[in-house]
């Protein structure tokens, strides 16, 4: 083997021993390799082949994320189902006892009564009967019609700019928003950086 071939073989062996770390975008020596040569420069994308490789790498990472996310979501669904089953079991096991305690509560003299609740205190806890406010089922149209005639002070009129429609007709000049050449007060257009996407 001549000197050139020997040198080429050594170079190939060195380069094949390098590991490319896609997170740091740098080459690394294996921990057990006694290499004295300097590492190559930091990885850069400077041609279509490398750019295409980067897109493929991104696609693979996203696919792996989707796979693991699906596993996690399936596991979450299983755990939520288990929680539901445990709640139902607890309700079954305690429901009859709670019903018996309600009957007992009505047979004793309360230890404390307030505007909102009645209590009977025991060593392990309290039996509490809370007074509920009524549930108001409203017909908004009928209620509004009545209030406009009988209690207009309770009718709330909300004025709001239709920004989606106004924006279609507005222009931006720096941070100013213009309508027919006139600056609209009360609004500032803050510039945001362009968004770069890799569509893989």
N, C-alpha and C. Protein backbone atom coordinates (compact mmCIF):
# COMPACT_ATOMS: atom_id res chain seq x y z
N UNK A 1 0.87 -1.19 0.00
CA UNK A 1 0.00 0.00 0.00
C UNK A 1 0.90 1.24 0.00
N UNK A 2 0.70 2.13 -0.98
CA UNK A 2 1.56 3.31 -1.03
C UNK A 2 1.16 4.33 0.03
N UNK A 3 1.96 5.36 0.16
CA UNK A 3 1.76 6.36 1.23
C UNK A 3 0.42 7.09 1.08
N UNK A 4 0.03 7.41 -0.16
CA UNK A 4 -1.24 8.12 -0.40
C UNK A 4 -2.42 7.27 0.04
N UNK A 5 -2.41 5.99 -0.34
CA UNK A 5 -3.51 5.08 0.00
C UNK A 5 -3.60 4.90 1.51
N UNK A 6 -2.44 4.84 2.15
CA UNK A 6 -2.42 4.68 3.61
C UNK A 6 -3.03 5.92 4.29
N UNK A 7 -2.67 7.08 3.81
CA UNK A 7 -3.20 8.33 4.37
C UNK A 7 -4.72 8.42 4.14
N UNK A 8 -5.17 8.02 2.96
CA UNK A 8 -6.60 8.05 2.65
C UNK A 8 -7.38 7.09 3.56
N UNK A 9 -6.81 5.92 3.81
CA UNK A 9 -7.45 4.93 4.69
C UNK A 9 -7.57 5.47 6.10
N UNK A 10 -6.54 6.16 6.57
CA UNK A 10 -6.56 6.76 7.91
C UNK A 10 -7.64 7.84 8.00
N UNK A 11 -7.73 8.67 6.94
CA UNK A 11 -8.75 9.75 6.92
C UNK A 11 -10.15 9.16 6.94
N UNK A 12 -10.37 8.11 6.12
CA UNK A 12 -11.69 7.48 6.08
C UNK A 12 -12.05 6.89 7.44
N UNK A 13 -11.09 6.27 8.08
CA UNK A 13 -11.34 5.68 9.40
C UNK A 13 -11.69 6.77 10.42
N UNK A 14 -10.97 7.88 10.34
CA UNK A 14 -11.24 9.01 11.26
C UNK A 14 -12.64 9.56 11.07
N UNK A 15 -13.00 9.83 9.78
CA UNK A 15 -14.30 10.44 9.50
C UNK A 15 -15.45 9.50 9.83
N UNK A 16 -15.26 8.19 9.61
CA UNK A 16 -16.34 7.25 9.92
C UNK A 16 -16.54 7.12 11.43
N UNK A 17 -15.53 7.45 12.22
CA UNK A 17 -15.65 7.35 13.68
C UNK A 17 -16.34 8.56 14.28
N UNK A 18 -16.47 9.65 13.51
CA UNK A 18 -17.13 10.84 14.03
C UNK A 18 -18.63 10.58 14.15
N UNK A 19 -19.23 11.20 15.15
CA UNK A 19 -20.68 11.13 15.29
C UNK A 19 -21.23 12.53 15.12
N UNK A 20 -22.27 12.65 14.29
CA UNK A 20 -22.92 13.95 14.11
C UNK A 20 -24.09 14.04 15.08
N UNK A 21 -24.10 15.09 15.90
CA UNK A 21 -25.17 15.30 16.87
C UNK A 21 -26.18 16.27 16.26
N UNK A 22 -27.40 15.80 15.90
CA UNK A 22 -28.37 16.68 15.24
C UNK A 22 -28.93 17.76 16.15
N UNK A 23 -28.77 17.61 17.47
CA UNK A 23 -29.28 18.64 18.38
C UNK A 23 -28.33 19.82 18.47
N UNK A 24 -27.02 19.53 18.53
CA UNK A 24 -26.05 20.62 18.61
C UNK A 24 -25.53 21.03 17.24
N UNK A 25 -25.87 20.20 16.22
CA UNK A 25 -25.37 20.41 14.85
C UNK A 25 -23.85 20.41 14.81
N UNK A 26 -23.23 19.57 15.63
CA UNK A 26 -21.78 19.49 15.68
C UNK A 26 -21.33 18.03 15.61
N UNK A 27 -20.09 17.83 15.16
CA UNK A 27 -19.51 16.50 15.14
C UNK A 27 -18.86 16.23 16.49
N UNK A 28 -18.90 14.97 16.92
CA UNK A 28 -18.31 14.60 18.20
C UNK A 28 -17.44 13.37 18.00
N UNK A 29 -16.32 13.30 18.76
CA UNK A 29 -15.51 12.09 18.77
C UNK A 29 -16.20 11.05 19.62
N UNK A 30 -16.06 9.78 19.26
CA UNK A 30 -16.52 8.75 20.20
C UNK A 30 -15.64 8.81 21.46
N UNK A 31 -16.22 8.43 22.60
CA UNK A 31 -15.50 8.60 23.87
C UNK A 31 -14.26 7.71 23.94
N UNK A 32 -14.25 6.61 23.18
CA UNK A 32 -13.11 5.70 23.29
C UNK A 32 -12.11 5.83 22.13
N UNK A 33 -12.24 6.87 21.32
CA UNK A 33 -11.35 6.99 20.16
C UNK A 33 -10.18 7.91 20.43
N UNK A 34 -8.95 7.45 20.24
CA UNK A 34 -7.77 8.30 20.49
C UNK A 34 -7.41 9.14 19.26
N UNK A 35 -8.34 10.07 18.89
CA UNK A 35 -8.10 10.89 17.70
C UNK A 35 -7.49 12.23 18.10
N UNK A 36 -6.49 12.64 17.36
CA UNK A 36 -5.86 13.93 17.64
C UNK A 36 -6.26 14.98 16.62
N UNK A 37 -6.84 14.57 15.51
CA UNK A 37 -7.22 15.53 14.47
C UNK A 37 -8.33 16.44 14.99
N UNK A 38 -8.38 17.70 14.54
CA UNK A 38 -9.46 18.58 14.97
C UNK A 38 -10.79 18.13 14.37
N UNK A 39 -11.85 18.43 15.06
CA UNK A 39 -13.19 18.12 14.53
C UNK A 39 -13.50 19.01 13.34
N UNK A 40 -14.36 18.53 12.43
CA UNK A 40 -14.77 19.41 11.33
C UNK A 40 -15.50 20.64 11.85
N UNK A 41 -15.64 21.64 11.00
CA UNK A 41 -16.36 22.85 11.39
C UNK A 41 -17.82 22.51 11.69
N UNK A 42 -18.51 23.41 12.38
CA UNK A 42 -19.93 23.23 12.70
C UNK A 42 -20.72 22.99 11.41
N UNK A 43 -21.69 22.10 11.52
CA UNK A 43 -22.51 21.74 10.35
C UNK A 43 -23.28 22.96 9.86
N UNK A 44 -23.26 23.19 8.56
CA UNK A 44 -24.05 24.27 7.96
C UNK A 44 -24.81 23.70 6.77
N UNK A 45 -25.93 24.30 6.47
CA UNK A 45 -26.68 23.91 5.28
C UNK A 45 -26.31 24.89 4.19
N UNK A 46 -25.58 24.38 3.20
CA UNK A 46 -25.11 25.26 2.13
C UNK A 46 -25.38 24.69 0.74
N UNK A 47 -26.23 23.66 0.67
CA UNK A 47 -26.62 23.16 -0.64
C UNK A 47 -27.96 22.43 -0.52
N UNK A 48 -28.56 22.12 -1.67
CA UNK A 48 -29.89 21.50 -1.68
C UNK A 48 -29.90 20.13 -1.02
N UNK A 49 -28.82 19.37 -1.19
CA UNK A 49 -28.77 18.03 -0.60
C UNK A 49 -28.88 18.11 0.92
N UNK A 50 -28.14 19.04 1.52
CA UNK A 50 -28.18 19.19 2.97
C UNK A 50 -29.54 19.74 3.44
N UNK A 51 -30.08 20.68 2.66
CA UNK A 51 -31.39 21.24 3.01
C UNK A 51 -32.45 20.15 2.96
N UNK A 52 -32.39 19.30 1.94
CA UNK A 52 -33.36 18.21 1.81
C UNK A 52 -33.19 17.22 2.95
N UNK A 53 -31.93 16.93 3.33
CA UNK A 53 -31.68 16.06 4.48
C UNK A 53 -32.30 16.64 5.74
N UNK A 54 -32.16 17.98 5.92
CA UNK A 54 -32.70 18.64 7.12
C UNK A 54 -34.22 18.51 7.15
N UNK A 55 -34.88 18.67 5.98
CA UNK A 55 -36.34 18.52 5.94
C UNK A 55 -36.74 17.10 6.30
N UNK A 56 -36.02 16.11 5.78
CA UNK A 56 -36.31 14.72 6.10
C UNK A 56 -36.14 14.46 7.60
N UNK A 57 -35.11 15.07 8.19
CA UNK A 57 -34.87 14.92 9.63
C UNK A 57 -36.02 15.53 10.43
N UNK A 58 -36.47 16.71 9.99
CA UNK A 58 -37.60 17.37 10.66
C UNK A 58 -38.85 16.49 10.55
N UNK A 59 -39.10 15.94 9.36
CA UNK A 59 -40.26 15.07 9.16
C UNK A 59 -40.20 13.86 10.09
N UNK A 60 -39.01 13.27 10.20
CA UNK A 60 -38.86 12.09 11.06
C UNK A 60 -39.11 12.45 12.52
N UNK A 61 -38.58 13.60 12.97
CA UNK A 61 -38.78 14.03 14.36
C UNK A 61 -40.25 14.32 14.64
N UNK A 62 -40.93 14.98 13.68
CA UNK A 62 -42.36 15.26 13.86
C UNK A 62 -43.18 13.98 13.89
N UNK A 63 -42.82 13.02 13.03
CA UNK A 63 -43.53 11.74 13.02
C UNK A 63 -43.35 11.02 14.35
N UNK A 64 -42.13 11.08 14.90
CA UNK A 64 -41.88 10.45 16.19
C UNK A 64 -42.67 11.14 17.30
N UNK A 65 -42.74 12.48 17.22
CA UNK A 65 -43.55 13.22 18.20
C UNK A 65 -45.01 12.79 18.10
N UNK A 66 -45.54 12.72 16.86
CA UNK A 66 -46.95 12.31 16.66
C UNK A 66 -47.20 10.92 17.23
N UNK A 67 -46.25 10.01 17.02
CA UNK A 67 -46.40 8.64 17.52
C UNK A 67 -46.46 8.63 19.05
N UNK A 68 -45.51 9.33 19.68
CA UNK A 68 -45.47 9.36 21.14
C UNK A 68 -46.65 10.13 21.72
N UNK A 69 -47.06 11.19 21.01
CA UNK A 69 -48.23 11.97 21.48
C UNK A 69 -49.48 11.10 21.48
N UNK A 70 -49.65 10.28 20.44
CA UNK A 70 -50.81 9.39 20.36
C UNK A 70 -50.80 8.40 21.51
N UNK A 71 -49.61 7.84 21.81
CA UNK A 71 -49.51 6.91 22.94
C UNK A 71 -49.91 7.63 24.23
N UNK A 72 -49.40 8.86 24.41
CA UNK A 72 -49.69 9.62 25.63
C UNK A 72 -51.19 9.93 25.74
N UNK A 73 -51.80 10.36 24.61
CA UNK A 73 -53.23 10.70 24.64
C UNK A 73 -54.09 9.47 24.90
N UNK A 74 -53.69 8.32 24.31
CA UNK A 74 -54.42 7.08 24.58
C UNK A 74 -54.32 6.71 26.06
N UNK A 75 -53.13 6.91 26.62
CA UNK A 75 -52.94 6.60 28.04
C UNK A 75 -53.76 7.54 28.92
N UNK A 76 -53.79 8.82 28.52
CA UNK A 76 -54.60 9.79 29.28
C UNK A 76 -56.07 9.39 29.23
N UNK A 77 -56.55 8.96 28.05
CA UNK A 77 -57.95 8.52 27.91
C UNK A 77 -58.23 7.32 28.81
N UNK A 78 -57.27 6.37 28.86
CA UNK A 78 -57.42 5.21 29.73
C UNK A 78 -57.49 5.62 31.19
N UNK A 79 -56.61 6.55 31.59
CA UNK A 79 -56.59 7.00 32.98
C UNK A 79 -57.85 7.77 33.33
N UNK A 80 -58.33 8.60 32.40
CA UNK A 80 -59.59 9.32 32.65
C UNK A 80 -60.76 8.34 32.82
N UNK A 81 -60.77 7.29 32.00
CA UNK A 81 -61.80 6.26 32.13
C UNK A 81 -61.70 5.57 33.48
N UNK A 82 -60.48 5.32 33.92
CA UNK A 82 -60.27 4.68 35.23
C UNK A 82 -60.76 5.59 36.36
N UNK A 83 -60.47 6.89 36.24
CA UNK A 83 -60.95 7.84 37.25
C UNK A 83 -62.47 7.85 37.30
N UNK A 84 -63.10 7.82 36.11
CA UNK A 84 -64.57 7.79 36.04
C UNK A 84 -65.13 6.55 36.72
N UNK A 85 -64.49 5.40 36.46
CA UNK A 85 -64.93 4.14 37.08
C UNK A 85 -64.77 4.19 38.60
N UNK A 86 -63.65 4.76 39.06
CA UNK A 86 -63.43 4.87 40.50
C UNK A 86 -64.46 5.79 41.15
N UNK A 87 -64.80 6.90 40.44
CA UNK A 87 -65.81 7.81 40.97
C UNK A 87 -67.17 7.12 41.07
N UNK A 88 -67.51 6.36 40.03
CA UNK A 88 -68.80 5.64 40.04
C UNK A 88 -68.84 4.61 41.16
N UNK A 89 -67.72 3.91 41.36
CA UNK A 89 -67.65 2.92 42.44
C UNK A 89 -67.80 3.59 43.80
N UNK A 90 -67.12 4.73 43.97
CA UNK A 90 -67.22 5.46 45.23
C UNK A 90 -68.64 5.94 45.47
N UNK A 91 -69.28 6.45 44.41
CA UNK A 91 -70.67 6.92 44.54
C UNK A 91 -71.61 5.78 44.94
N UNK A 92 -71.38 4.59 44.34
CA UNK A 92 -72.22 3.44 44.68
C UNK A 92 -72.03 3.03 46.14
N UNK A 93 -70.78 3.05 46.58
CA UNK A 93 -70.48 2.59 47.94
C UNK A 93 -70.89 3.59 49.01
N UNK A 94 -70.95 4.89 48.65
CA UNK A 94 -71.29 5.91 49.66
C UNK A 94 -72.72 6.42 49.54
N UNK A 95 -73.35 6.21 48.38
CA UNK A 95 -74.69 6.78 48.14
C UNK A 95 -75.71 6.34 49.17
N UNK A 96 -75.76 5.04 49.51
CA UNK A 96 -76.74 4.54 50.46
C UNK A 96 -76.49 5.11 51.85
N UNK A 97 -75.21 5.19 52.23
CA UNK A 97 -74.88 5.76 53.55
C UNK A 97 -75.28 7.23 53.62
N UNK A 98 -75.06 7.98 52.53
CA UNK A 98 -75.45 9.39 52.51
C UNK A 98 -76.97 9.53 52.63
N UNK A 99 -77.72 8.66 51.97
CA UNK A 99 -79.19 8.70 52.06
C UNK A 99 -79.65 8.44 53.49
N UNK A 100 -79.00 7.48 54.17
CA UNK A 100 -79.35 7.19 55.57
C UNK A 100 -78.99 8.37 56.48
N UNK A 101 -77.87 9.05 56.18
CA UNK A 101 -77.49 10.22 56.98
C UNK A 101 -78.46 11.38 56.78
N UNK A 102 -79.02 11.51 55.57
CA UNK A 102 -80.04 12.55 55.33
C UNK A 102 -81.24 12.29 56.23
N UNK A 103 -81.69 11.05 56.27
CA UNK A 103 -82.84 10.70 57.11
C UNK A 103 -82.53 10.99 58.58
N UNK A 104 -81.31 10.63 59.02
CA UNK A 104 -80.91 10.87 60.40
C UNK A 104 -80.86 12.37 60.69
N UNK A 105 -80.34 13.14 59.76
CA UNK A 105 -80.21 14.59 59.93
C UNK A 105 -81.57 15.23 60.20
N UNK A 106 -82.59 14.75 59.49
CA UNK A 106 -83.94 15.32 59.68
C UNK A 106 -84.59 14.88 60.99
N UNK A 107 -83.97 13.92 61.67
CA UNK A 107 -84.56 13.43 62.93
C UNK A 107 -83.93 14.06 64.16
N UNK A 108 -82.88 14.88 63.97
CA UNK A 108 -82.18 15.46 65.12
C UNK A 108 -82.34 16.98 65.13
N UNK A 109 -81.97 17.59 66.27
CA UNK A 109 -82.01 19.04 66.39
C UNK A 109 -80.67 19.60 65.92
N UNK A 110 -80.68 20.53 64.94
CA UNK A 110 -79.41 21.08 64.43
C UNK A 110 -78.59 21.72 65.53
N UNK A 111 -77.27 21.67 65.38
CA UNK A 111 -76.37 22.32 66.34
C UNK A 111 -76.10 23.76 65.93
N UNK A 112 -76.35 24.09 64.66
CA UNK A 112 -76.13 25.47 64.21
C UNK A 112 -76.98 25.72 62.97
N UNK A 113 -77.62 26.91 62.96
CA UNK A 113 -78.45 27.29 61.81
C UNK A 113 -78.11 28.72 61.41
N UNK A 114 -77.88 28.93 60.11
CA UNK A 114 -77.63 30.27 59.58
C UNK A 114 -78.61 30.50 58.43
N UNK A 115 -78.49 31.68 57.77
CA UNK A 115 -79.37 31.99 56.66
C UNK A 115 -79.17 31.03 55.49
N UNK A 116 -77.95 30.52 55.35
CA UNK A 116 -77.64 29.73 54.17
C UNK A 116 -77.53 28.23 54.42
N UNK A 117 -77.40 27.82 55.69
CA UNK A 117 -77.25 26.38 55.93
C UNK A 117 -77.61 25.98 57.36
N UNK A 118 -77.87 24.67 57.51
CA UNK A 118 -78.16 24.07 58.81
C UNK A 118 -77.13 22.97 59.03
N UNK A 119 -76.59 22.90 60.26
CA UNK A 119 -75.52 21.93 60.54
C UNK A 119 -75.87 21.05 61.73
N UNK A 120 -75.35 19.84 61.69
CA UNK A 120 -75.38 18.95 62.86
C UNK A 120 -73.97 18.41 63.01
N UNK A 121 -73.31 18.76 64.12
CA UNK A 121 -71.90 18.42 64.29
C UNK A 121 -71.73 17.10 65.01
N UNK A 122 -70.82 16.29 64.49
CA UNK A 122 -70.45 15.02 65.09
C UNK A 122 -68.94 14.98 65.29
N UNK A 123 -68.42 13.94 65.90
CA UNK A 123 -67.00 13.85 66.17
C UNK A 123 -66.18 13.75 64.88
N UNK A 124 -66.65 12.97 63.92
CA UNK A 124 -65.88 12.73 62.68
C UNK A 124 -66.15 13.74 61.59
N UNK A 125 -67.13 14.60 61.76
CA UNK A 125 -67.45 15.59 60.74
C UNK A 125 -68.78 16.25 60.99
N UNK A 126 -69.29 16.94 59.98
CA UNK A 126 -70.57 17.65 60.12
C UNK A 126 -71.53 17.19 59.05
N UNK A 127 -72.82 17.16 59.41
CA UNK A 127 -73.88 16.97 58.43
C UNK A 127 -74.40 18.37 58.12
N UNK A 128 -74.39 18.75 56.86
CA UNK A 128 -74.73 20.13 56.48
C UNK A 128 -75.80 20.11 55.40
N UNK A 129 -76.87 20.88 55.64
CA UNK A 129 -77.91 21.06 54.63
C UNK A 129 -77.82 22.51 54.15
N UNK A 130 -77.38 22.68 52.88
CA UNK A 130 -77.20 24.03 52.33
C UNK A 130 -78.45 24.46 51.57
N UNK A 131 -78.88 25.70 51.82
CA UNK A 131 -80.02 26.25 51.10
C UNK A 131 -79.56 26.75 49.74
N UNK A 132 -80.20 26.28 48.70
CA UNK A 132 -79.82 26.62 47.35
C UNK A 132 -80.65 27.79 46.82
N UNK A 133 -80.01 28.65 46.06
CA UNK A 133 -80.74 29.68 45.32
C UNK A 133 -81.50 29.00 44.19
N UNK A 134 -82.64 29.56 43.81
CA UNK A 134 -83.37 28.94 42.70
C UNK A 134 -82.58 29.04 41.39
N UNK A 135 -82.80 28.11 40.51
CA UNK A 135 -82.21 28.17 39.18
C UNK A 135 -83.13 29.03 38.31
N UNK A 136 -82.58 30.08 37.73
CA UNK A 136 -83.37 30.99 36.90
C UNK A 136 -83.28 30.57 35.43
N UNK A 137 -84.39 30.14 34.88
CA UNK A 137 -84.45 29.77 33.47
C UNK A 137 -85.07 30.95 32.74
N UNK A 138 -84.25 31.60 31.89
CA UNK A 138 -84.68 32.87 31.30
C UNK A 138 -85.00 32.73 29.83
N UNK A 139 -86.06 33.42 29.42
CA UNK A 139 -86.34 33.63 28.00
C UNK A 139 -85.82 35.05 27.72
N UNK A 140 -84.62 35.14 27.16
CA UNK A 140 -83.94 36.44 27.02
C UNK A 140 -84.77 37.44 26.22
N UNK A 141 -85.44 37.00 25.16
CA UNK A 141 -86.22 37.92 24.33
C UNK A 141 -87.39 38.51 25.12
N UNK A 142 -88.13 37.65 25.84
CA UNK A 142 -89.27 38.13 26.63
C UNK A 142 -88.79 39.03 27.77
N UNK A 143 -87.68 38.64 28.41
CA UNK A 143 -87.14 39.42 29.52
C UNK A 143 -86.70 40.80 29.03
N UNK A 144 -86.02 40.86 27.88
CA UNK A 144 -85.55 42.13 27.33
C UNK A 144 -86.73 43.02 26.96
N UNK A 145 -87.74 42.44 26.35
CA UNK A 145 -88.93 43.22 25.96
C UNK A 145 -89.58 43.85 27.20
N UNK A 146 -89.70 43.06 28.27
CA UNK A 146 -90.29 43.58 29.51
C UNK A 146 -89.41 44.68 30.10
N UNK A 147 -88.08 44.43 30.17
CA UNK A 147 -87.17 45.37 30.82
C UNK A 147 -87.12 46.70 30.06
N UNK A 148 -87.17 46.67 28.73
CA UNK A 148 -87.15 47.91 27.95
C UNK A 148 -88.35 48.79 28.29
N UNK A 149 -89.48 48.16 28.59
CA UNK A 149 -90.69 48.93 28.92
C UNK A 149 -90.77 49.27 30.39
N UNK A 150 -90.45 48.32 31.27
CA UNK A 150 -90.70 48.51 32.69
C UNK A 150 -89.46 48.88 33.50
N UNK A 151 -88.28 48.48 33.08
CA UNK A 151 -87.07 48.76 33.87
C UNK A 151 -85.90 49.04 32.94
N UNK A 152 -85.99 50.13 32.15
CA UNK A 152 -84.94 50.41 31.15
C UNK A 152 -83.56 50.63 31.76
N UNK A 153 -83.48 50.99 33.05
CA UNK A 153 -82.18 51.21 33.67
C UNK A 153 -81.36 49.92 33.79
N UNK A 154 -82.03 48.78 33.63
CA UNK A 154 -81.34 47.49 33.70
C UNK A 154 -81.03 46.90 32.32
N UNK A 155 -81.33 47.67 31.29
CA UNK A 155 -81.02 47.20 29.93
C UNK A 155 -79.64 47.71 29.55
N UNK A 156 -78.76 46.80 29.20
CA UNK A 156 -77.39 47.15 28.86
C UNK A 156 -77.25 47.15 27.34
N UNK A 157 -76.80 48.28 26.80
CA UNK A 157 -76.57 48.37 25.36
C UNK A 157 -75.07 48.41 25.14
N UNK A 158 -74.58 47.47 24.39
CA UNK A 158 -73.14 47.37 24.15
C UNK A 158 -72.83 47.78 22.73
N UNK A 159 -71.97 48.82 22.59
CA UNK A 159 -71.51 49.25 21.28
C UNK A 159 -70.11 48.72 21.06
N UNK A 160 -69.86 48.18 19.88
CA UNK A 160 -68.58 47.59 19.61
C UNK A 160 -68.24 47.77 18.13
N UNK A 161 -66.99 48.10 17.85
CA UNK A 161 -66.54 48.26 16.46
C UNK A 161 -66.42 46.89 15.82
N UNK A 162 -66.89 46.76 14.60
CA UNK A 162 -66.72 45.52 13.84
C UNK A 162 -65.31 45.56 13.23
N UNK A 163 -64.33 45.14 14.02
CA UNK A 163 -62.93 45.26 13.62
C UNK A 163 -62.63 44.41 12.40
N UNK A 164 -63.22 43.23 12.30
CA UNK A 164 -62.95 42.36 11.15
C UNK A 164 -63.32 43.06 9.85
N UNK A 165 -64.43 43.78 9.84
CA UNK A 165 -64.86 44.49 8.62
C UNK A 165 -64.02 45.75 8.39
N UNK A 166 -63.73 46.49 9.47
CA UNK A 166 -62.96 47.72 9.34
C UNK A 166 -61.54 47.42 8.87
N UNK A 167 -60.96 46.32 9.36
CA UNK A 167 -59.58 45.98 9.01
C UNK A 167 -59.42 45.76 7.51
N UNK A 168 -60.46 45.24 6.86
CA UNK A 168 -60.41 45.01 5.41
C UNK A 168 -60.25 46.31 4.64
N UNK A 169 -60.76 47.40 5.18
CA UNK A 169 -60.72 48.70 4.50
C UNK A 169 -59.57 49.58 4.98
N UNK A 170 -58.86 49.14 6.04
CA UNK A 170 -57.81 49.96 6.64
C UNK A 170 -56.46 49.69 5.99
N UNK A 171 -55.57 50.67 6.09
CA UNK A 171 -54.19 50.55 5.62
C UNK A 171 -53.26 50.75 6.80
N UNK A 172 -52.06 50.20 6.69
CA UNK A 172 -51.06 50.34 7.76
C UNK A 172 -49.89 51.16 7.23
N UNK A 173 -49.50 52.16 8.03
CA UNK A 173 -48.33 52.98 7.70
C UNK A 173 -47.48 53.07 8.96
N UNK A 174 -46.41 52.25 9.02
CA UNK A 174 -45.62 52.19 10.25
C UNK A 174 -46.48 51.60 11.35
N UNK A 175 -46.65 52.34 12.45
CA UNK A 175 -47.52 51.87 13.53
C UNK A 175 -48.91 52.48 13.44
N UNK A 176 -49.13 53.35 12.46
CA UNK A 176 -50.44 53.98 12.29
C UNK A 176 -51.36 53.11 11.44
N UNK A 177 -52.64 53.11 11.82
CA UNK A 177 -53.65 52.42 11.03
C UNK A 177 -54.52 53.52 10.42
N UNK A 178 -54.67 53.48 9.09
CA UNK A 178 -55.35 54.56 8.37
C UNK A 178 -56.67 54.07 7.78
N UNK A 179 -57.65 54.98 7.80
CA UNK A 179 -58.92 54.74 7.11
C UNK A 179 -59.16 55.93 6.19
N UNK A 180 -59.15 55.64 4.90
CA UNK A 180 -59.29 56.69 3.88
C UNK A 180 -58.26 57.79 4.09
N UNK A 181 -57.02 57.39 4.42
CA UNK A 181 -55.92 58.33 4.58
C UNK A 181 -55.83 58.97 5.95
N UNK A 182 -56.81 58.75 6.81
CA UNK A 182 -56.82 59.38 8.13
C UNK A 182 -56.43 58.36 9.20
N UNK A 183 -55.59 58.79 10.16
CA UNK A 183 -55.14 57.90 11.24
C UNK A 183 -56.33 57.58 12.16
N UNK A 184 -56.51 56.30 12.41
CA UNK A 184 -57.57 55.88 13.34
C UNK A 184 -57.00 55.91 14.75
N UNK A 185 -57.60 56.71 15.65
CA UNK A 185 -57.09 56.72 17.04
C UNK A 185 -57.49 55.43 17.76
N UNK A 186 -56.69 55.11 18.77
CA UNK A 186 -57.04 53.97 19.62
C UNK A 186 -56.54 52.63 19.12
N UNK A 187 -55.69 52.67 18.09
CA UNK A 187 -55.15 51.40 17.61
C UNK A 187 -53.73 51.61 17.10
N UNK A 188 -52.85 50.68 17.43
CA UNK A 188 -51.45 50.74 17.03
C UNK A 188 -51.10 49.43 16.33
N UNK A 189 -50.41 49.53 15.21
CA UNK A 189 -49.98 48.34 14.48
C UNK A 189 -48.54 48.00 14.87
N UNK A 190 -48.37 47.00 15.69
CA UNK A 190 -47.04 46.58 16.13
C UNK A 190 -46.51 45.55 15.15
N UNK A 191 -45.36 45.82 14.55
CA UNK A 191 -44.77 44.90 13.58
C UNK A 191 -44.33 43.62 14.27
N UNK A 192 -44.53 42.50 13.59
CA UNK A 192 -44.09 41.21 14.11
C UNK A 192 -43.16 40.58 13.08
N UNK A 193 -42.21 39.78 13.55
CA UNK A 193 -41.29 39.16 12.59
C UNK A 193 -42.02 38.15 11.70
N UNK A 194 -41.51 37.98 10.48
CA UNK A 194 -42.06 36.98 9.59
C UNK A 194 -41.91 35.59 10.22
N UNK A 195 -42.82 34.72 9.90
CA UNK A 195 -42.80 33.36 10.43
C UNK A 195 -42.23 32.42 9.37
N UNK A 196 -41.18 31.69 9.76
CA UNK A 196 -40.58 30.72 8.86
C UNK A 196 -41.14 29.35 9.14
N UNK A 197 -41.53 28.63 8.10
CA UNK A 197 -42.09 27.29 8.24
C UNK A 197 -41.34 26.31 7.39
N UNK A 198 -41.21 25.11 7.91
CA UNK A 198 -40.74 24.00 7.09
C UNK A 198 -41.96 23.14 6.83
N UNK A 199 -42.46 23.16 5.62
CA UNK A 199 -43.65 22.40 5.27
C UNK A 199 -43.20 21.04 4.75
N UNK A 200 -43.26 20.07 5.64
CA UNK A 200 -42.77 18.72 5.30
C UNK A 200 -43.92 17.74 5.22
